[in-house]
């Protein structure tokens, strides 16, 4: 991977790149994807363990007749760990789709498995990441059942903004309507509501976050009759919440 620009832009890879054998790192696979491309499919084995160095990926899980986005991956994360860690069956539990242009590094799952087995530091990093990913998934699923659309959308924007390192989010209303399983005009109305609060500016193919704190408040708005999420028992933001900066 030496000599390639952005090779250490992935947070996880930066932590253990020193442990990679040279004969493997020189043959790393570089991928560039356009928005809407499927990277990995639920129920199938990953051929590569993928470390994004730019862009945003949404990971969807099929629940009955619904497809729900359960977590996002940016350059803080990794895809294809089930094959690397030989988790039950080895198949992916989500379908991963690029939301923006994405660049990533692919490593053989057997190499990642070897690093996890042989290097305690790598093992700690990977398992901590999986723990945080599980927390994000649980919070997203609870919110999808209990929160109104504007709160769910605000929560999505907060996470995407964080994954993209506070850069503008290149996403269309059509993509957002697909993610949240609603009609496009409904997404447009919710975006206008967040604009009215002064949290964001919604452009034709881009969302700009103006005030993260207002957006966080909007994300914590409960459904009628429910308690706000910050008042119920859940992980501290400073430690593990997807809302932490």
C-alpha atoms as a PDB file:
ATOM      1  CA  UNK A   1       0.000   0.000   0.000  1.00  0.00           C
ATOM      2  CA  UNK A   2       3.045   2.240   0.100  1.00  0.00           C
ATOM      3  CA  UNK A   3       3.009   5.201  -2.197  1.00  0.00           C
ATOM      4  CA  UNK A   4      -0.748   5.412  -2.524  1.00  0.00           C
ATOM      5  CA  UNK A   5      -2.354   8.646  -1.443  1.00  0.00           C
ATOM      6  CA  UNK A   6      -4.818   8.231   1.424  1.00  0.00           C
ATOM      7  CA  UNK A   7      -3.453   4.811   2.417  1.00  0.00           C
ATOM      8  CA  UNK A   8      -3.716   5.602   6.130  1.00  0.00           C
ATOM      9  CA  UNK A   9      -6.925   7.665   5.959  1.00  0.00           C
ATOM     10  CA  UNK A  10      -8.830   4.754   7.480  1.00  0.00           C
ATOM     11  CA  UNK A  11      -8.764   4.999  11.273  1.00  0.00           C
ATOM     12  CA  UNK A  12      -8.724   1.248  11.916  1.00  0.00           C
ATOM     13  CA  UNK A  13      -6.099   0.502   9.291  1.00  0.00           C
ATOM     14  CA  UNK A  14      -3.874   3.274  10.611  1.00  0.00           C
ATOM     15  CA  UNK A  15      -3.873   1.595  14.017  1.00  0.00           C
ATOM     16  CA  UNK A  16      -2.437  -1.696  12.817  1.00  0.00           C
ATOM     17  CA  UNK A  17      -0.820  -0.994   9.440  1.00  0.00           C
ATOM     18  CA  UNK A  18       2.583  -1.600  11.047  1.00  0.00           C
ATOM     19  CA  UNK A  19       1.627  -5.256  11.598  1.00  0.00           C
ATOM     20  CA  UNK A  20       0.863  -5.925   7.922  1.00  0.00           C
ATOM     21  CA  UNK A  21       3.428  -8.173   6.183  1.00  0.00           C
ATOM     22  CA  UNK A  22       5.003  -6.356   3.236  1.00  0.00           C
ATOM     23  CA  UNK A  23       4.226  -9.144   0.774  1.00  0.00           C
ATOM     24  CA  UNK A  24       0.495  -8.711   1.485  1.00  0.00           C
ATOM     25  CA  UNK A  25       0.326  -4.935   1.812  1.00  0.00           C
ATOM     26  CA  UNK A  26       1.927  -4.423  -1.600  1.00  0.00           C
ATOM     27  CA  UNK A  27      -0.869  -6.464  -3.204  1.00  0.00           C
ATOM     28  CA  UNK A  28      -3.727  -4.663  -1.510  1.00  0.00           C
ATOM     29  CA  UNK A  29      -6.769  -4.128  -3.730  1.00  0.00           C
ATOM     30  CA  UNK A  30      -7.826  -0.525  -4.356  1.00  0.00           C
ATOM     31  CA  UNK A  31     -11.464   0.118  -5.241  1.00  0.00           C
ATOM     32  CA  UNK A  32     -13.342   3.216  -6.373  1.00  0.00           C
ATOM     33  CA  UNK A  33     -17.138   3.174  -6.435  1.00  0.00           C
ATOM     34  CA  UNK A  34     -19.886   5.508  -7.536  1.00  0.00           C
ATOM     35  CA  UNK A  35     -23.013   6.201  -5.447  1.00  0.00           C
ATOM     36  CA  UNK A  36     -25.544   3.377  -5.482  1.00  0.00           C
ATOM     37  CA  UNK A  37     -23.124   0.500  -6.020  1.00  0.00           C
ATOM     38  CA  UNK A  38     -23.470  -2.659  -3.928  1.00  0.00           C
ATOM     39  CA  UNK A  39     -20.265  -3.642  -2.157  1.00  0.00           C
ATOM     40  CA  UNK A  40     -21.346  -6.669  -0.131  1.00  0.00           C
ATOM     41  CA  UNK A  41     -24.638  -8.568  -0.066  1.00  0.00           C
ATOM     42  CA  UNK A  42     -26.500  -9.977   2.913  1.00  0.00           C
ATOM     43  CA  UNK A  43     -26.166 -13.763   3.065  1.00  0.00           C
ATOM     44  CA  UNK A  44     -23.022 -13.922   0.918  1.00  0.00           C
ATOM     45  CA  UNK A  45     -19.370 -14.344   1.830  1.00  0.00           C
ATOM     46  CA  UNK A  46     -17.104 -11.308   1.413  1.00  0.00           C
ATOM     47  CA  UNK A  47     -14.090 -11.889  -0.819  1.00  0.00           C
ATOM     48  CA  UNK A  48     -12.247  -8.899   0.648  1.00  0.00           C
ATOM     49  CA  UNK A  49     -12.157  -7.108   3.982  1.00  0.00           C
ATOM     50  CA  UNK A  50     -12.734  -3.483   2.947  1.00  0.00           C
ATOM     51  CA  UNK A  51     -11.348  -0.358   4.629  1.00  0.00           C
ATOM     52  CA  UNK A  52     -12.876   2.888   3.249  1.00  0.00           C
ATOM     53  CA  UNK A  53     -10.512   5.863   2.980  1.00  0.00           C
ATOM     54  CA  UNK A  54     -13.204   8.262   1.760  1.00  0.00           C
ATOM     55  CA  UNK A  55     -16.957   8.416   1.301  1.00  0.00           C
ATOM     56  CA  UNK A  56     -20.001   6.987   3.073  1.00  0.00           C
ATOM     57  CA  UNK A  57     -21.531   3.497   2.950  1.00  0.00           C
ATOM     58  CA  UNK A  58     -24.966   2.519   4.267  1.00  0.00           C
ATOM     59  CA  UNK A  59     -25.491  -1.021   5.535  1.00  0.00           C
ATOM     60  CA  UNK A  60     -29.016  -2.440   5.198  1.00  0.00           C
ATOM     61  CA  UNK A  61     -30.593  -5.482   6.823  1.00  0.00           C
ATOM     62  CA  UNK A  62     -33.631  -7.265   5.419  1.00  0.00           C
ATOM     63  CA  UNK A  63     -36.279  -7.643   8.118  1.00  0.00           C
ATOM     64  CA  UNK A  64     -39.243  -9.494   6.678  1.00  0.00           C
ATOM     65  CA  UNK A  65     -40.481  -7.428   3.739  1.00  0.00           C
ATOM     66  CA  UNK A  66     -38.578  -4.320   4.843  1.00  0.00           C
ATOM     67  CA  UNK A  67     -35.016  -3.218   4.200  1.00  0.00           C
ATOM     68  CA  UNK A  68     -33.671  -1.131   7.093  1.00  0.00           C
ATOM     69  CA  UNK A  69     -30.431   0.816   7.233  1.00  0.00           C
ATOM     70  CA  UNK A  70     -28.835  -0.310  10.516  1.00  0.00           C
ATOM     71  CA  UNK A  71     -25.457   1.445  10.465  1.00  0.00           C
ATOM     72  CA  UNK A  72     -23.112   3.580   8.392  1.00  0.00           C
ATOM     73  CA  UNK A  73     -19.445   3.066   7.574  1.00  0.00           C
ATOM     74  CA  UNK A  74     -16.949   5.789   6.730  1.00  0.00           C
ATOM     75  CA  UNK A  75     -13.211   5.939   7.024  1.00  0.00           C
ATOM     76  CA  UNK A  76     -13.584   5.098  10.688  1.00  0.00           C
ATOM     77  CA  UNK A  77     -14.682   1.545   9.881  1.00  0.00           C
ATOM     78  CA  UNK A  78     -14.433  -1.691   7.932  1.00  0.00           C
ATOM     79  CA  UNK A  79     -16.660  -4.036   5.914  1.00  0.00           C
ATOM     80  CA  UNK A  80     -16.449  -7.794   5.401  1.00  0.00           C
ATOM     81  CA  UNK A  81     -15.381  -8.813   8.899  1.00  0.00           C
ATOM     82  CA  UNK A  82     -17.651 -11.865   9.059  1.00  0.00           C
ATOM     83  CA  UNK A  83     -15.473 -13.751   6.589  1.00  0.00           C
ATOM     84  CA  UNK A  84     -12.281 -12.558   8.292  1.00  0.00           C
ATOM     85  CA  UNK A  85     -13.415 -13.562  11.778  1.00  0.00           C
ATOM     86  CA  UNK A  86     -15.270 -16.688  10.638  1.00  0.00           C
ATOM     87  CA  UNK A  87     -18.381 -15.568  12.493  1.00  0.00           C
ATOM     88  CA  UNK A  88     -21.314 -18.029  12.293  1.00  0.00           C
ATOM     89  CA  UNK A  89     -21.619 -19.074   8.655  1.00  0.00           C
ATOM     90  CA  UNK A  90     -19.188 -16.375   7.545  1.00  0.00           C
ATOM     91  CA  UNK A  91     -21.898 -14.648   5.511  1.00  0.00           C
ATOM     92  CA  UNK A  92     -22.588 -10.935   5.690  1.00  0.00           C
ATOM     93  CA  UNK A  93     -25.560  -9.897   7.822  1.00  0.00           C
ATOM     94  CA  UNK A  94     -26.143  -6.683   5.840  1.00  0.00           C
ATOM     95  CA  UNK A  95     -26.079  -5.379   2.284  1.00  0.00           C
ATOM     96  CA  UNK A  96     -23.607  -2.503   1.916  1.00  0.00           C
ATOM     97  CA  UNK A  97     -24.329   0.260  -0.612  1.00  0.00           C
ATOM     98  CA  UNK A  98     -22.199   3.326  -1.374  1.00  0.00           C
ATOM     99  CA  UNK A  99     -24.086   6.557  -0.662  1.00  0.00           C
ATOM    100  CA  UNK A 100     -21.323   8.798  -2.048  1.00  0.00           C
ATOM    101  CA  UNK A 101     -18.237   8.251  -4.205  1.00  0.00           C
ATOM    102  CA  UNK A 102     -16.107   5.822  -2.185  1.00  0.00           C
ATOM    103  CA  UNK A 103     -12.438   4.829  -2.216  1.00  0.00           C
ATOM    104  CA  UNK A 104     -11.321   1.819  -0.206  1.00  0.00           C
ATOM    105  CA  UNK A 105      -8.558  -0.678   0.388  1.00  0.00           C
ATOM    106  CA  UNK A 106      -9.316  -4.409   0.217  1.00  0.00           C
ATOM    107  CA  UNK A 107      -7.278  -6.947   2.170  1.00  0.00           C
ATOM    108  CA  UNK A 108      -7.627 -10.760   2.091  1.00  0.00           C
ATOM    109  CA  UNK A 109      -9.856 -11.942   4.956  1.00  0.00           C
ATOM    110  CA  UNK A 110      -7.234 -14.560   5.852  1.00  0.00           C
ATOM    111  CA  UNK A 111      -4.716 -11.784   6.510  1.00  0.00           C
ATOM    112  CA  UNK A 112      -7.083  -9.886   8.785  1.00  0.00           C
ATOM    113  CA  UNK A 113      -7.889 -13.154  10.582  1.00  0.00           C
ATOM    114  CA  UNK A 114      -4.180 -13.792  11.125  1.00  0.00           C
ATOM    115  CA  UNK A 115      -3.660 -10.294  12.536  1.00  0.00           C
ATOM    116  CA  UNK A 116      -6.603 -10.662  14.913  1.00  0.00           C
ATOM    117  CA  UNK A 117      -5.290 -14.013  16.155  1.00  0.00           C
ATOM    118  CA  UNK A 118      -1.632 -12.991  16.473  1.00  0.00           C
ATOM    119  CA  UNK A 119      -1.793  -9.333  17.551  1.00  0.00           C
ATOM    120  CA  UNK A 120      -3.644  -8.462  20.783  1.00  0.00           C
ATOM    121  CA  UNK A 121      -3.756  -4.779  19.820  1.00  0.00           C
ATOM    122  CA  UNK A 122      -5.443  -5.540  16.484  1.00  0.00           C
ATOM    123  CA  UNK A 123      -7.889  -7.888  18.208  1.00  0.00           C
ATOM    124  CA  UNK A 124      -8.806  -5.193  20.733  1.00  0.00           C
ATOM    125  CA  UNK A 125      -9.352  -2.577  18.003  1.00  0.00           C
ATOM    126  CA  UNK A 126     -11.549  -4.844  15.866  1.00  0.00           C
ATOM    127  CA  UNK A 127     -13.715  -6.113  18.721  1.00  0.00           C
ATOM    128  CA  UNK A 128     -14.195  -2.604  20.101  1.00  0.00           C
ATOM    129  CA  UNK A 129     -15.309  -1.466  16.662  1.00  0.00           C
ATOM    130  CA  UNK A 130     -17.796  -4.352  16.420  1.00  0.00           C
ATOM    131  CA  UNK A 131     -19.160  -3.470  19.852  1.00  0.00           C
ATOM    132  CA  UNK A 132     -19.748   0.162  18.827  1.00  0.00           C
ATOM    133  CA  UNK A 133     -21.330  -1.024  15.582  1.00  0.00           C
ATOM    134  CA  UNK A 134     -23.758  -3.203  17.530  1.00  0.00           C
ATOM    135  CA  UNK A 135     -24.693  -0.247  19.740  1.00  0.00           C
ATOM    136  CA  UNK A 136     -25.361   1.899  16.681  1.00  0.00           C
ATOM    137  CA  UNK A 137     -27.505  -0.840  15.128  1.00  0.00           C
ATOM    138  CA  UNK A 138     -29.575  -1.227  18.293  1.00  0.00           C
ATOM    139  CA  UNK A 139     -30.128   2.522  18.611  1.00  0.00           C
ATOM    140  CA  UNK A 140     -31.131   2.869  14.955  1.00  0.00           C
ATOM    141  CA  UNK A 141     -33.649   0.018  15.226  1.00  0.00           C
ATOM    142  CA  UNK A 142     -35.207   1.447  18.395  1.00  0.00           C
ATOM    143  CA  UNK A 143     -35.464   4.892  16.832  1.00  0.00           C
ATOM    144  CA  UNK A 144     -36.996   3.511  13.635  1.00  0.00           C
ATOM    145  CA  UNK A 145     -39.850   2.109  15.715  1.00  0.00           C
ATOM    146  CA  UNK A 146     -40.312   4.933  18.231  1.00  0.00           C
ATOM    147  CA  UNK A 147     -39.326   8.271  16.666  1.00  0.00           C
ATOM    148  CA  UNK A 148     -41.028  10.491  14.088  1.00  0.00           C
ATOM    149  CA  UNK A 149     -39.411  10.881  10.678  1.00  0.00           C
ATOM    150  CA  UNK A 150     -37.831  14.279  11.369  1.00  0.00           C
ATOM    151  CA  UNK A 151     -36.012  12.879  14.419  1.00  0.00           C
ATOM    152  CA  UNK A 152     -34.856   9.791  12.495  1.00  0.00           C
ATOM    153  CA  UNK A 153     -33.650  11.957   9.622  1.00  0.00           C
ATOM    154  CA  UNK A 154     -31.775  14.261  11.998  1.00  0.00           C
ATOM    155  CA  UNK A 155     -30.124  11.214  13.573  1.00  0.00           C
ATOM    156  CA  UNK A 156     -29.081   9.953  10.116  1.00  0.00           C
ATOM    157  CA  UNK A 157     -27.600  13.350   9.183  1.00  0.00           C
ATOM    158  CA  UNK A 158     -25.689  13.590  12.482  1.00  0.00           C
ATOM    159  CA  UNK A 159     -24.072  10.202  11.875  1.00  0.00           C
ATOM    160  CA  UNK A 160     -23.331  10.852   8.200  1.00  0.00           C
ATOM    161  CA  UNK A 161     -21.835  14.244   9.044  1.00  0.00           C
ATOM    162  CA  UNK A 162     -19.585  12.558  11.593  1.00  0.00           C
ATOM    163  CA  UNK A 163     -18.512   9.782   9.192  1.00  0.00           C
ATOM    164  CA  UNK A 164     -17.660  12.372   6.524  1.00  0.00           C
ATOM    165  CA  UNK A 165     -15.597  14.401   9.028  1.00  0.00           C
ATOM    166  CA  UNK A 166     -18.041  17.334   9.065  1.00  0.00           C
ATOM    167  CA  UNK A 167     -17.973  17.794   5.297  1.00  0.00           C
ATOM    168  CA  UNK A 168     -21.183  18.489   3.311  1.00  0.00           C
ATOM    169  CA  UNK A 169     -23.235  15.331   2.723  1.00  0.00           C
ATOM    170  CA  UNK A 170     -23.683  14.617  -1.015  1.00  0.00           C
ATOM    171  CA  UNK A 171     -27.080  12.926  -0.960  1.00  0.00           C
ATOM    172  CA  UNK A 172     -30.352  13.390  -2.850  1.00  0.00           C
ATOM    173  CA  UNK A 173     -33.914  13.466  -1.516  1.00  0.00           C
ATOM    174  CA  UNK A 174     -34.604  10.310  -3.522  1.00  0.00           C
ATOM    175  CA  UNK A 175     -31.827   8.390  -1.754  1.00  0.00           C
ATOM    176  CA  UNK A 176     -33.016   9.600   1.649  1.00  0.00           C
ATOM    177  CA  UNK A 177     -36.584   8.556   0.862  1.00  0.00           C
ATOM    178  CA  UNK A 178     -35.328   5.070  -0.027  1.00  0.00           C
ATOM    179  CA  UNK A 179     -33.283   4.821   3.188  1.00  0.00           C
ATOM    180  CA  UNK A 180     -36.204   5.884   5.384  1.00  0.00           C
ATOM    181  CA  UNK A 181     -38.886   3.991   3.418  1.00  0.00           C
ATOM    182  CA  UNK A 182     -41.058   7.050   2.793  1.00  0.00           C
ATOM    183  CA  UNK A 183     -42.127   9.058  -0.256  1.00  0.00           C
ATOM    184  CA  UNK A 184     -39.805  11.748  -1.563  1.00  0.00           C
ATOM    185  CA  UNK A 185     -42.154  14.680  -0.729  1.00  0.00           C
ATOM    186  CA  UNK A 186     -42.258  13.438   2.878  1.00  0.00           C
ATOM    187  CA  UNK A 187     -38.445  13.603   3.079  1.00  0.00           C
ATOM    188  CA  UNK A 188     -38.501  17.070   1.526  1.00  0.00           C
ATOM    189  CA  UNK A 189     -40.954  18.265   4.199  1.00  0.00           C
ATOM    190  CA  UNK A 190     -38.771  16.825   6.978  1.00  0.00           C
ATOM    191  CA  UNK A 191     -35.669  18.507   5.534  1.00  0.00           C
ATOM    192  CA  UNK A 192     -37.540  21.817   5.366  1.00  0.00           C
ATOM    193  CA  UNK A 193     -38.478  21.371   9.030  1.00  0.00           C
ATOM    194  CA  UNK A 194     -34.801  20.918   9.968  1.00  0.00           C
ATOM    195  CA  UNK A 195     -33.925  23.937   7.824  1.00  0.00           C
ATOM    196  CA  UNK A 196     -36.521  25.978   9.681  1.00  0.00           C
ATOM    197  CA  UNK A 197     -34.808  25.092  12.957  1.00  0.00           C
ATOM    198  CA  UNK A 198     -31.527  26.420  11.566  1.00  0.00           C
ATOM    199  CA  UNK A 199     -29.879  22.984  11.780  1.00  0.00           C
ATOM    200  CA  UNK A 200     -29.109  22.403   8.085  1.00  0.00           C
ATOM    201  CA  UNK A 201     -29.238  23.796   4.580  1.00  0.00           C
ATOM    202  CA  UNK A 202     -30.730  21.379   2.064  1.00  0.00           C
ATOM    203  CA  UNK A 203     -29.521  21.886  -1.494  1.00  0.00           C
ATOM    204  CA  UNK A 204     -30.386  19.926  -4.635  1.00  0.00           C
ATOM    205  CA  UNK A 205     -27.845  17.124  -4.090  1.00  0.00           C
ATOM    206  CA  UNK A 206     -26.237  18.136  -0.832  1.00  0.00           C
ATOM    207  CA  UNK A 207     -26.936  18.728   2.843  1.00  0.00           C
ATOM    208  CA  UNK A 208     -24.855  21.249   4.777  1.00  0.00           C
ATOM    209  CA  UNK A 209     -24.951  21.102   8.566  1.00  0.00           C
ATOM    210  CA  UNK A 210     -25.133  24.583  10.093  1.00  0.00           C
ATOM    211  CA  UNK A 211     -25.720  23.778  13.767  1.00  0.00           C
ATOM    212  CA  UNK A 212     -24.853  20.326  15.107  1.00  0.00           C
ATOM    213  CA  UNK A 213     -26.325  21.024  18.552  1.00  0.00           C
ATOM    214  CA  UNK A 214     -29.744  21.898  17.120  1.00  0.00           C
ATOM    215  CA  UNK A 215     -29.525  18.776  14.977  1.00  0.00           C
ATOM    216  CA  UNK A 216     -28.744  16.663  18.046  1.00  0.00           C
ATOM    217  CA  UNK A 217     -31.768  18.123  19.825  1.00  0.00           C
ATOM    218  CA  UNK A 218     -33.957  17.328  16.823  1.00  0.00           C
ATOM    219  CA  UNK A 219     -32.576  13.779  16.731  1.00  0.00           C
ATOM    220  CA  UNK A 220     -33.621  13.244  20.341  1.00  0.00           C
ATOM    221  CA  UNK A 221     -37.224  14.327  19.752  1.00  0.00           C
ATOM    222  CA  UNK A 222     -39.465  11.423  20.914  1.00  0.00           C
ATOM    223  CA  UNK A 223     -42.599  10.130  19.321  1.00  0.00           C
ATOM    224  CA  UNK A 224     -45.857  11.155  20.966  1.00  0.00           C
ATOM    225  CA  UNK A 225     -46.175   9.495  24.353  1.00  0.00           C
ATOM    226  CA  UNK A 226     -42.548   8.351  24.431  1.00  0.00           C
ATOM    227  CA  UNK A 227     -39.723   9.579  26.650  1.00  0.00           C
ATOM    228  CA  UNK A 228     -36.682  11.293  25.031  1.00  0.00           C
ATOM    229  CA  UNK A 229     -33.865   8.854  24.385  1.00  0.00           C
ATOM    230  CA  UNK A 230     -31.387  10.860  26.431  1.00  0.00           C
ATOM    231  CA  UNK A 231     -33.539  10.333  29.523  1.00  0.00           C
ATOM    232  CA  UNK A 232     -33.667   6.542  29.176  1.00  0.00           C
ATOM    233  CA  UNK A 233     -30.934   4.072  29.949  1.00  0.00           C
ATOM    234  CA  UNK A 234     -28.480   4.004  27.060  1.00  0.00           C
ATOM    235  CA  UNK A 235     -24.689   4.183  26.568  1.00  0.00           C
ATOM    236  CA  UNK A 236     -22.891   7.426  27.376  1.00  0.00           C
ATOM    237  CA  UNK A 237     -22.235   9.514  24.305  1.00  0.00           C
ATOM    238  CA  UNK A 238     -18.705  10.204  25.421  1.00  0.00           C
ATOM    239  CA  UNK A 239     -17.949   6.474  25.287  1.00  0.00           C
ATOM    240  CA  UNK A 240     -19.918   4.673  22.670  1.00  0.00           C
ATOM    241  CA  UNK A 241     -22.984   6.406  21.271  1.00  0.00           C
ATOM    242  CA  UNK A 242     -23.096   6.976  17.494  1.00  0.00           C
ATOM    243  CA  UNK A 243     -23.921  10.594  18.298  1.00  0.00           C
ATOM    244  CA  UNK A 244     -20.537  11.227  19.904  1.00  0.00           C
ATOM    245  CA  UNK A 245     -18.173  13.428  17.937  1.00  0.00           C
END
